């Protein structure tokens, strides 16, 4: 009886090709087939190390039956390597679907660990590396993005987010509005020639970014710090006092208190509207934009 094959989950470099492990190279040389997120990207890696193997694509838009076909080939005795564009398959790519199906079918799985943009970014950020939560890429649709940022608003762990360069400023503004002005590290082009790490408060960095920023980007964001809010009464009391004394718009007042207490501006603004309607009978403030 022919022996069943193996599904090899192979970690690949996140930038510098020399970061590939000897075990990963040996595995890629010996498997029957390689499935890759982007065959053009993986072909460059294979060519660099003079590896020639049948190469097929498997990505987010691949038909569901591709994963089943992959596992059927393994059941027939073939060994298959699954790789992503960079790092470990299964993080922000469809690799987890194959892995889940393989586990359900009791297919033999072999993990070959490799570089991780998540862990490298955490260490470079200077923020607490654990506990942390990896959130992947924010959704593209506006309604889903709003729910996404709202969902993790009070997560106390350090948060790791992937983002495309052309959406970076938009994402930073949404994080600032929903999570408050937190410490953040913008990690770009890890292990490559133009590797860069920007550290600081979101409000500081958002205006320092070049318009044509490029490359693979990882954001490491400070978790929610509940102790800064005290029992919730400090910022609320200051908000009440300020509404009665300060001659400034609700939006500016909310912005000031949000930054001082590291609270999302929308929460402060909403409470300011509530207080104004309850305690202050005035229609002078016409600024209704949080």
Protein backbone atom coordinates (compact mmCIF):
# COMPACT_ATOMS: atom_id res chain seq x y z
CA UNK A 1 0.00 0.00 0.00
CA UNK A 2 1.36 3.39 -1.01
CA UNK A 3 2.26 5.67 1.87
CA UNK A 4 0.18 8.85 2.23
CA UNK A 5 1.87 12.15 1.56
CA UNK A 6 2.46 15.11 3.81
CA UNK A 7 1.31 18.74 3.84
CA UNK A 8 4.33 20.93 4.58
CA UNK A 9 3.58 24.43 5.89
CA UNK A 10 6.74 26.32 4.99
CA UNK A 11 7.74 29.70 6.39
CA UNK A 12 9.56 31.92 3.89
CA UNK A 13 11.53 35.18 4.24
CA UNK A 14 9.60 38.39 4.89
CA UNK A 15 12.17 40.39 2.91
CA UNK A 16 15.79 39.31 2.97
CA UNK A 17 16.05 36.00 1.11
CA UNK A 18 19.00 34.93 3.28
CA UNK A 19 16.59 34.52 6.20
CA UNK A 20 15.25 31.26 4.81
CA UNK A 21 16.09 28.23 6.94
CA UNK A 22 18.10 25.24 5.79
CA UNK A 23 15.14 23.01 6.64
CA UNK A 24 12.82 25.11 4.49
CA UNK A 25 15.19 24.85 1.52
CA UNK A 26 15.51 21.09 1.97
CA UNK A 27 11.73 20.72 2.14
CA UNK A 28 11.11 22.80 -1.00
CA UNK A 29 13.70 20.73 -2.88
CA UNK A 30 12.11 17.42 -1.92
CA UNK A 31 8.34 17.97 -2.19
CA UNK A 32 6.41 16.97 -5.29
CA UNK A 33 4.42 20.20 -5.66
CA UNK A 34 4.45 23.72 -4.25
CA UNK A 35 1.31 25.82 -3.79
CA UNK A 36 1.94 29.54 -3.40
CA UNK A 37 -0.08 32.66 -2.65
CA UNK A 38 1.59 34.42 -5.61
CA UNK A 39 3.52 32.16 -7.99
CA UNK A 40 5.46 35.11 -9.45
CA UNK A 41 6.73 36.06 -6.01
CA UNK A 42 7.58 32.48 -5.03
CA UNK A 43 9.25 31.77 -8.37
CA UNK A 44 11.82 34.46 -7.59
CA UNK A 45 12.59 32.73 -4.29
CA UNK A 46 12.90 29.32 -5.93
CA UNK A 47 15.05 30.66 -8.76
CA UNK A 48 17.38 32.35 -6.29
CA UNK A 49 18.06 29.00 -4.63
CA UNK A 50 17.97 27.03 -7.91
CA UNK A 51 14.90 25.00 -6.97
CA UNK A 52 12.70 23.69 -9.79
CA UNK A 53 9.33 22.24 -8.82
CA UNK A 54 5.76 22.32 -10.21
CA UNK A 55 4.25 25.54 -8.87
CA UNK A 56 0.53 26.30 -8.54
CA UNK A 57 -1.36 29.25 -7.07
CA UNK A 58 -3.58 29.18 -4.01
CA UNK A 59 -4.85 32.53 -2.77
CA UNK A 60 -7.88 34.28 -1.27
CA UNK A 61 -9.82 34.14 -4.54
CA UNK A 62 -9.05 30.50 -5.41
CA UNK A 63 -12.08 28.22 -5.76
CA UNK A 64 -12.83 26.19 -2.65
CA UNK A 65 -12.25 22.91 -4.45
CA UNK A 66 -8.52 23.71 -4.85
CA UNK A 67 -7.94 22.97 -1.19
CA UNK A 68 -9.83 19.67 -1.50
CA UNK A 69 -7.87 18.76 -4.63
CA UNK A 70 -4.63 19.52 -2.79
CA UNK A 71 -5.54 17.15 0.04
CA UNK A 72 -6.65 14.45 -2.42
CA UNK A 73 -3.20 14.54 -4.01
CA UNK A 74 -1.63 14.15 -0.57
CA UNK A 75 -3.91 11.16 0.11
CA UNK A 76 -2.55 9.61 -3.09
CA UNK A 77 0.97 9.84 -1.72
CA UNK A 78 2.23 13.18 -2.99
CA UNK A 79 3.97 15.65 -0.69
CA UNK A 80 2.94 19.29 -1.00
CA UNK A 81 4.52 22.49 0.31
CA UNK A 82 2.26 25.45 1.06
CA UNK A 83 3.92 28.87 1.15
CA UNK A 84 2.73 32.47 1.37
CA UNK A 85 4.29 35.58 -0.12
CA UNK A 86 6.17 36.19 3.13
CA UNK A 87 6.34 34.63 6.57
CA UNK A 88 4.15 31.79 7.75
CA UNK A 89 1.13 30.61 5.73
CA UNK A 90 -2.17 31.03 7.53
CA UNK A 91 -1.76 34.64 8.71
CA UNK A 92 -3.82 36.99 6.52
CA UNK A 93 -3.83 34.45 3.70
CA UNK A 94 -6.00 31.37 2.99
CA UNK A 95 -3.48 28.87 4.33
CA UNK A 96 -5.57 28.29 7.48
CA UNK A 97 -8.39 26.86 5.30
CA UNK A 98 -6.11 24.09 4.00
CA UNK A 99 -4.70 23.46 7.47
CA UNK A 100 -8.19 23.18 8.97
CA UNK A 101 -9.32 20.77 6.25
CA UNK A 102 -6.13 18.73 6.66
CA UNK A 103 -6.73 18.39 10.39
CA UNK A 104 -10.34 17.33 9.80
CA UNK A 105 -9.18 14.64 7.35
CA UNK A 106 -6.31 13.55 9.61
CA UNK A 107 -3.75 14.43 6.97
CA UNK A 108 -0.16 14.53 8.20
CA UNK A 109 1.05 18.13 8.65
CA UNK A 110 4.67 19.23 8.92
CA UNK A 111 5.42 22.77 10.11
CA UNK A 112 8.68 24.41 8.99
CA UNK A 113 8.84 27.66 10.99
CA UNK A 114 10.17 30.82 9.43
CA UNK A 115 10.44 34.60 9.91
CA UNK A 116 7.43 36.47 11.26
CA UNK A 117 6.62 40.12 10.58
CA UNK A 118 4.32 40.02 13.61
CA UNK A 119 6.96 39.03 16.15
CA UNK A 120 9.72 41.14 14.59
CA UNK A 121 7.48 44.23 14.61
CA UNK A 122 6.46 43.66 18.22
CA UNK A 123 10.09 43.60 19.33
CA UNK A 124 11.02 46.67 17.28
CA UNK A 125 8.03 48.66 18.54
CA UNK A 126 9.25 49.04 22.10
CA UNK A 127 5.73 48.28 23.32
CA UNK A 128 5.00 45.28 25.58
CA UNK A 129 5.46 42.23 23.30
CA UNK A 130 3.01 40.10 25.28
CA UNK A 131 0.20 39.60 25.66
CA UNK A 132 -0.65 40.76 22.17
CA UNK A 133 -3.50 40.37 19.69
CA UNK A 134 -2.93 40.04 15.94
CA UNK A 135 -5.87 41.59 14.07
CA UNK A 136 -4.73 41.11 10.46
CA UNK A 137 -5.87 43.61 7.82
CA UNK A 138 -8.81 45.93 8.61
CA UNK A 139 -11.84 45.27 6.34
CA UNK A 140 -12.18 47.33 3.18
CA UNK A 141 -15.87 48.28 3.44
CA UNK A 142 -16.60 51.38 5.54
CA UNK A 143 -19.33 49.75 7.65
CA UNK A 144 -17.16 46.72 8.45
CA UNK A 145 -14.15 48.91 9.21
CA UNK A 146 -16.17 50.88 11.76
CA UNK A 147 -17.29 47.67 13.48
CA UNK A 148 -13.71 46.33 13.35
CA UNK A 149 -12.14 49.30 15.13
CA UNK A 150 -15.03 49.57 17.59
CA UNK A 151 -14.74 45.87 18.48
CA UNK A 152 -11.12 46.16 19.64
CA UNK A 153 -11.43 49.60 21.19
CA UNK A 154 -10.98 48.44 24.80
CA UNK A 155 -8.60 45.51 24.20
CA UNK A 156 -5.84 45.87 26.78
CA UNK A 157 -3.26 43.81 24.87
CA UNK A 158 -0.75 45.30 22.44
CA UNK A 159 -2.43 45.24 19.02
CA UNK A 160 -0.79 44.28 15.73
CA UNK A 161 -2.40 45.33 12.45
CA UNK A 162 -1.33 44.87 8.83
CA UNK A 163 -2.12 47.63 6.34
CA UNK A 164 -1.45 48.57 2.73
CA UNK A 165 0.54 51.80 2.21
CA UNK A 166 -2.22 53.60 0.26
CA UNK A 167 -4.66 53.11 3.18
CA UNK A 168 -2.21 53.89 5.97
CA UNK A 169 -3.22 57.50 6.73
CA UNK A 170 -6.91 56.64 6.63
CA UNK A 171 -6.36 53.78 9.05
CA UNK A 172 -4.32 55.92 11.43
CA UNK A 173 -7.11 58.52 11.52
CA UNK A 174 -9.68 55.82 12.25
CA UNK A 175 -7.54 54.37 15.03
CA UNK A 176 -7.08 57.86 16.49
CA UNK A 177 -10.84 58.48 16.45
CA UNK A 178 -11.90 55.07 17.76
CA UNK A 179 -9.04 54.11 20.11
CA UNK A 180 -7.65 57.47 21.18
CA UNK A 181 -4.17 58.96 20.86
CA UNK A 182 -1.99 55.99 21.73
CA UNK A 183 1.65 55.10 21.30
CA UNK A 184 2.25 53.35 18.00
CA UNK A 185 5.07 51.92 15.92
CA UNK A 186 4.83 51.98 12.13
CA UNK A 187 7.14 49.23 10.88
CA UNK A 188 7.90 49.25 7.17
CA UNK A 189 9.88 47.00 4.80
CA UNK A 190 11.15 44.61 7.47
CA UNK A 191 14.56 43.00 6.74
CA UNK A 192 14.82 44.89 3.44
CA UNK A 193 17.21 47.68 2.43
CA UNK A 194 14.72 50.43 3.28
CA UNK A 195 13.58 49.03 6.63
CA UNK A 196 12.11 51.80 8.77
CA UNK A 197 10.46 52.10 12.18
CA UNK A 198 8.54 55.22 13.24
CA UNK A 199 7.61 55.44 16.93
CA UNK A 200 5.48 57.98 18.75
CA UNK A 201 1.90 59.07 19.38
CA UNK A 202 -0.56 58.59 16.52
CA UNK A 203 -1.33 62.32 16.44
CA UNK A 204 2.37 63.05 15.95
CA UNK A 205 3.17 60.49 13.28
CA UNK A 206 0.06 60.87 11.16
CA UNK A 207 1.29 64.20 9.80
CA UNK A 208 4.90 63.12 9.33
CA UNK A 209 4.19 60.35 6.85
CA UNK A 210 5.36 60.95 3.29
CA UNK A 211 2.60 61.05 0.69
CA UNK A 212 4.16 58.28 -1.38
CA UNK A 213 4.95 55.83 1.41
CA UNK A 214 5.52 52.33 0.06
CA UNK A 215 6.22 48.78 1.16
CA UNK A 216 4.83 46.18 3.53
CA UNK A 217 3.54 47.85 6.69
CA UNK A 218 2.85 46.53 10.18
CA UNK A 219 1.28 48.69 12.88
CA UNK A 220 1.91 47.93 16.54
CA UNK A 221 -0.51 49.86 18.76
CA UNK A 222 -0.54 50.35 22.51
CA UNK A 223 -3.39 48.52 24.20
CA UNK A 224 -6.23 50.21 26.06
CA UNK A 225 -5.01 51.51 29.41
CA UNK A 226 -8.00 51.52 31.71
CA UNK A 227 -6.03 52.84 34.66
CA UNK A 228 -5.58 56.18 32.85
CA UNK A 229 -9.31 56.66 33.00
CA UNK A 230 -9.39 56.11 36.74
CA UNK A 231 -12.89 55.10 37.71
CA UNK A 232 -14.32 57.09 34.80
CA UNK A 233 -15.22 60.08 37.01
CA UNK A 234 -12.08 62.17 36.46
CA UNK A 235 -12.55 62.91 32.78
CA UNK A 236 -16.31 63.18 33.18
CA UNK A 237 -15.95 65.76 35.95
CA UNK A 238 -13.42 67.74 33.91
CA UNK A 239 -15.78 67.62 30.93
CA UNK A 240 -18.63 69.04 33.02
CA UNK A 241 -16.44 71.81 34.43
CA UNK A 242 -15.06 72.68 30.99
CA UNK A 243 -18.50 72.87 29.42
CA UNK A 244 -19.45 75.49 31.94
CA UNK A 245 -16.27 77.57 31.70
CA UNK A 246 -14.44 77.17 28.40
CA UNK A 247 -15.41 79.15 25.36
CA UNK A 248 -14.60 76.53 22.71
CA UNK A 249 -16.46 74.19 20.41
CA UNK A 250 -17.57 70.77 21.62
CA UNK A 251 -15.33 69.19 19.03
CA UNK A 252 -12.21 70.99 20.28
CA UNK A 253 -13.08 70.32 23.91
CA UNK A 254 -13.66 66.62 23.22
CA UNK A 255 -10.35 66.46 21.36
CA UNK A 256 -8.48 68.05 24.27
CA UNK A 257 -9.93 65.74 26.93
CA UNK A 258 -9.65 62.65 24.73
CA UNK A 259 -5.92 63.21 24.34
CA UNK A 260 -5.36 63.99 28.01
CA UNK A 261 -7.08 60.83 29.24
CA UNK A 262 -6.32 58.63 26.20
CA UNK A 263 -10.00 58.07 25.43
CA UNK A 264 -11.48 57.86 21.93
CA UNK A 265 -12.70 61.32 20.92
CA UNK A 266 -16.08 60.00 19.77
CA UNK A 267 -16.85 58.77 23.28
CA UNK A 268 -15.97 62.13 24.85
CA UNK A 269 -17.90 64.06 22.21
CA UNK A 270 -21.00 61.91 22.67
CA UNK A 271 -20.88 62.46 26.44
CA UNK A 272 -20.35 66.21 25.89
CA UNK A 273 -23.53 66.37 23.80
CA UNK A 274 -25.40 64.51 26.51
CA UNK A 275 -24.13 66.80 29.27
CA UNK A 276 -24.86 69.92 27.27
CA UNK A 277 -28.48 68.91 26.68
CA UNK A 278 -28.95 67.94 30.35
CA UNK A 279 -27.10 70.66 32.23
CA UNK A 280 -26.57 73.58 29.88
CA UNK A 281 -29.49 75.23 28.12
CA UNK A 282 -27.62 76.77 25.18
CA UNK A 283 -27.80 76.47 21.44
CA UNK A 284 -24.70 78.52 20.70
CA UNK A 285 -22.46 75.63 19.77
CA UNK A 286 -23.20 74.70 16.19
CA UNK A 287 -20.28 72.29 15.73
CA UNK A 288 -21.87 68.85 15.32
CA UNK A 289 -18.85 67.04 13.93
CA UNK A 290 -17.06 64.68 16.32
